[in-house]
Amino acid sequence: MAVVVLTHTTANLTVPSYTAAPFTTIYTNMKFLTVLFLALVLVVSMALARPGDIIDVDYDHFEHEQDGIPGTAVHGEYSAIGADGNEYEVKYVADHLGYRLV
């Protein structure tokens, strides 16, 4: 009966090193993506909240444009070509003082 003894040398054995580097990289990437997402949300919300066109209608014989913040203050103008061929234009402001022609 023969006895076989297996030996190995640890000099060539590489043990993986578990460091915090992969976790730190993922954590840093997540922080970056979170900041990027919040910045994108901020830019989009500012673009939607800024005063801008409320009405912008343009037909052959009629135009109406209105800018401002709905429910707070708006200004605009509309124009139409009458039956006599003349163009009639009205400019207005609507705010806390009411609706008035300019």
C-alpha atoms as a PDB file:
ATOM      1  CA  MET A   1       0.000   0.000   0.000  1.00  0.00           C
ATOM      2  CA  ALA A   2       1.370   3.342  -1.022  1.00  0.00           C
ATOM      3  CA  VAL A   3       0.729   6.627   0.737  1.00  0.00           C
ATOM      4  CA  VAL A   4       0.693   9.710  -1.435  1.00  0.00           C
ATOM      5  CA  VAL A   5       1.432  13.045   0.203  1.00  0.00           C
ATOM      6  CA  LEU A   6       0.384  16.137  -1.685  1.00  0.00           C
ATOM      7  CA  THR A   7       2.363  19.221  -0.993  1.00  0.00           C
ATOM      8  CA  HIS A   8       2.061  22.668  -2.391  1.00  0.00           C
ATOM      9  CA  THR A   9       4.062  25.784  -2.120  1.00  0.00           C
ATOM     10  CA  THR A  10       2.418  29.013  -1.131  1.00  0.00           C
ATOM     11  CA  ALA A  11       4.957  31.136  -2.929  1.00  0.00           C
ATOM     12  CA  ASN A  12       3.028  30.920  -6.216  1.00  0.00           C
ATOM     13  CA  LEU A  13      -0.408  31.035  -4.649  1.00  0.00           C
ATOM     14  CA  THR A  14      -2.114  34.380  -5.157  1.00  0.00           C
ATOM     15  CA  VAL A  15      -4.883  35.206  -2.792  1.00  0.00           C
ATOM     16  CA  PRO A  16      -7.262  37.894  -3.996  1.00  0.00           C
ATOM     17  CA  SER A  17      -7.019  41.029  -1.990  1.00  0.00           C
ATOM     18  CA  TYR A  18     -10.356  42.361  -0.822  1.00  0.00           C
ATOM     19  CA  THR A  19     -10.037  46.082  -0.467  1.00  0.00           C
ATOM     20  CA  ALA A  20     -12.537  48.894  -0.322  1.00  0.00           C
ATOM     21  CA  ALA A  21     -11.584  50.138  -3.782  1.00  0.00           C
ATOM     22  CA  PRO A  22     -14.523  48.623  -5.723  1.00  0.00           C
ATOM     23  CA  PHE A  23     -17.035  49.772  -3.110  1.00  0.00           C
ATOM     24  CA  THR A  24     -15.513  53.243  -3.019  1.00  0.00           C
ATOM     25  CA  THR A  25     -15.700  53.481  -6.810  1.00  0.00           C
ATOM     26  CA  ILE A  26     -19.345  52.410  -6.856  1.00  0.00           C
ATOM     27  CA  TYR A  27     -20.150  54.804  -4.015  1.00  0.00           C
ATOM     28  CA  THR A  28     -18.411  57.689  -5.823  1.00  0.00           C
ATOM     29  CA  ASN A  29     -20.216  56.887  -9.070  1.00  0.00           C
ATOM     30  CA  MET A  30     -23.563  56.775  -7.269  1.00  0.00           C
ATOM     31  CA  LYS A  31     -22.862  60.139  -5.635  1.00  0.00           C
ATOM     32  CA  PHE A  32     -21.964  61.604  -9.017  1.00  0.00           C
ATOM     33  CA  LEU A  33     -25.094  60.198 -10.666  1.00  0.00           C
ATOM     34  CA  THR A  34     -27.260  61.459  -7.815  1.00  0.00           C
ATOM     35  CA  VAL A  35     -25.830  64.972  -8.080  1.00  0.00           C
ATOM     36  CA  LEU A  36     -26.196  64.882 -11.864  1.00  0.00           C
ATOM     37  CA  PHE A  37     -29.831  63.763 -11.590  1.00  0.00           C
ATOM     38  CA  LEU A  38     -30.647  66.487  -9.037  1.00  0.00           C
ATOM     39  CA  ALA A  39     -29.009  69.117 -11.245  1.00  0.00           C
ATOM     40  CA  LEU A  40     -31.065  67.920 -14.212  1.00  0.00           C
ATOM     41  CA  VAL A  41     -34.281  68.074 -12.166  1.00  0.00           C
ATOM     42  CA  LEU A  42     -33.384  71.598 -11.036  1.00  0.00           C
ATOM     43  CA  VAL A  43     -32.733  72.819 -14.583  1.00  0.00           C
ATOM     44  CA  VAL A  44     -35.950  71.293 -15.908  1.00  0.00           C
ATOM     45  CA  SER A  45     -38.044  72.715 -13.067  1.00  0.00           C
ATOM     46  CA  MET A  46     -36.550  76.168 -13.559  1.00  0.00           C
ATOM     47  CA  ALA A  47     -37.288  76.012 -17.276  1.00  0.00           C
ATOM     48  CA  LEU A  48     -40.879  75.030 -16.597  1.00  0.00           C
ATOM     49  CA  ALA A  49     -41.385  77.644 -13.876  1.00  0.00           C
ATOM     50  CA  ARG A  50     -39.993  80.643 -15.735  1.00  0.00           C
ATOM     51  CA  PRO A  51     -42.372  83.088 -17.336  1.00  0.00           C
ATOM     52  CA  GLY A  52     -42.890  82.262 -20.946  1.00  0.00           C
ATOM     53  CA  ASP A  53     -45.371  81.880 -23.712  1.00  0.00           C
ATOM     54  CA  ILE A  54     -48.831  81.054 -22.461  1.00  0.00           C
ATOM     55  CA  ILE A  55     -50.626  81.601 -25.734  1.00  0.00           C
ATOM     56  CA  ASP A  56     -49.027  81.777 -29.152  1.00  0.00           C
ATOM     57  CA  VAL A  57     -51.612  81.488 -31.921  1.00  0.00           C
ATOM     58  CA  ASP A  58     -50.927  82.526 -35.483  1.00  0.00           C
ATOM     59  CA  TYR A  59     -53.541  82.162 -38.211  1.00  0.00           C
ATOM     60  CA  ASP A  60     -53.866  83.900 -41.573  1.00  0.00           C
ATOM     61  CA  HIS A  61     -55.931  86.840 -40.309  1.00  0.00           C
ATOM     62  CA  PHE A  62     -55.560  86.504 -36.536  1.00  0.00           C
ATOM     63  CA  GLU A  63     -52.631  86.437 -34.049  1.00  0.00           C
ATOM     64  CA  HIS A  64     -52.613  86.173 -30.262  1.00  0.00           C
ATOM     65  CA  GLU A  65     -49.538  86.110 -28.024  1.00  0.00           C
ATOM     66  CA  GLN A  66     -49.484  86.100 -24.232  1.00  0.00           C
ATOM     67  CA  ASP A  67     -46.501  85.923 -21.842  1.00  0.00           C
ATOM     68  CA  GLY A  68     -46.176  85.883 -18.075  1.00  0.00           C
ATOM     69  CA  ILE A  69     -47.100  83.696 -15.129  1.00  0.00           C
ATOM     70  CA  PRO A  70     -50.640  82.293 -15.319  1.00  0.00           C
ATOM     71  CA  GLY A  71     -52.740  83.361 -12.344  1.00  0.00           C
ATOM     72  CA  THR A  72     -50.280  86.081 -11.346  1.00  0.00           C
ATOM     73  CA  ALA A  73     -49.533  88.528 -14.149  1.00  0.00           C
ATOM     74  CA  VAL A  74     -49.682  88.298 -17.922  1.00  0.00           C
ATOM     75  CA  HIS A  75     -49.291  90.669 -20.821  1.00  0.00           C
ATOM     76  CA  GLY A  76     -50.101  90.105 -24.410  1.00  0.00           C
ATOM     77  CA  GLU A  77     -51.437  91.325 -27.660  1.00  0.00           C
ATOM     78  CA  TYR A  78     -53.753  90.154 -30.357  1.00  0.00           C
ATOM     79  CA  SER A  79     -54.354  91.428 -33.824  1.00  0.00           C
ATOM     80  CA  ALA A  80     -56.823  90.717 -36.570  1.00  0.00           C
ATOM     81  CA  ILE A  81     -57.430  91.902 -40.080  1.00  0.00           C
ATOM     82  CA  GLY A  82     -60.882  93.429 -40.404  1.00  0.00           C
ATOM     83  CA  ALA A  83     -63.340  93.169 -43.266  1.00  0.00           C
ATOM     84  CA  ASP A  84     -62.080  96.544 -44.527  1.00  0.00           C
ATOM     85  CA  GLY A  85     -58.511  95.118 -44.872  1.00  0.00           C
ATOM     86  CA  ASN A  86     -57.042  97.089 -41.960  1.00  0.00           C
ATOM     87  CA  GLU A  87     -55.106  95.378 -39.179  1.00  0.00           C
ATOM     88  CA  TYR A  88     -56.421  96.009 -35.672  1.00  0.00           C
ATOM     89  CA  GLU A  89     -54.124  95.392 -32.725  1.00  0.00           C
ATOM     90  CA  VAL A  90     -54.870  95.307 -28.998  1.00  0.00           C
ATOM     91  CA  LYS A  91     -52.199  95.173 -26.262  1.00  0.00           C
ATOM     92  CA  TYR A  92     -53.167  94.366 -22.688  1.00  0.00           C
ATOM     93  CA  VAL A  93     -51.926  93.607 -19.180  1.00  0.00           C
ATOM     94  CA  ALA A  94     -53.707  91.434 -16.644  1.00  0.00           C
ATOM     95  CA  ASP A  95     -52.338  91.445 -13.103  1.00  0.00           C
ATOM     96  CA  HIS A  96     -53.353  92.214  -9.515  1.00  0.00           C
ATOM     97  CA  LEU A  97     -54.730  95.563 -10.724  1.00  0.00           C
ATOM     98  CA  GLY A  98     -57.064  93.878 -13.216  1.00  0.00           C
ATOM     99  CA  TYR A  99     -57.297  93.675 -16.975  1.00  0.00           C
ATOM    100  CA  ARG A 100     -56.367  96.851 -18.825  1.00  0.00           C
ATOM    101  CA  LEU A 101     -55.383  97.946 -22.294  1.00  0.00           C
ATOM    102  CA  VAL A 102     -51.939  99.352 -22.856  1.00  0.00           C
END
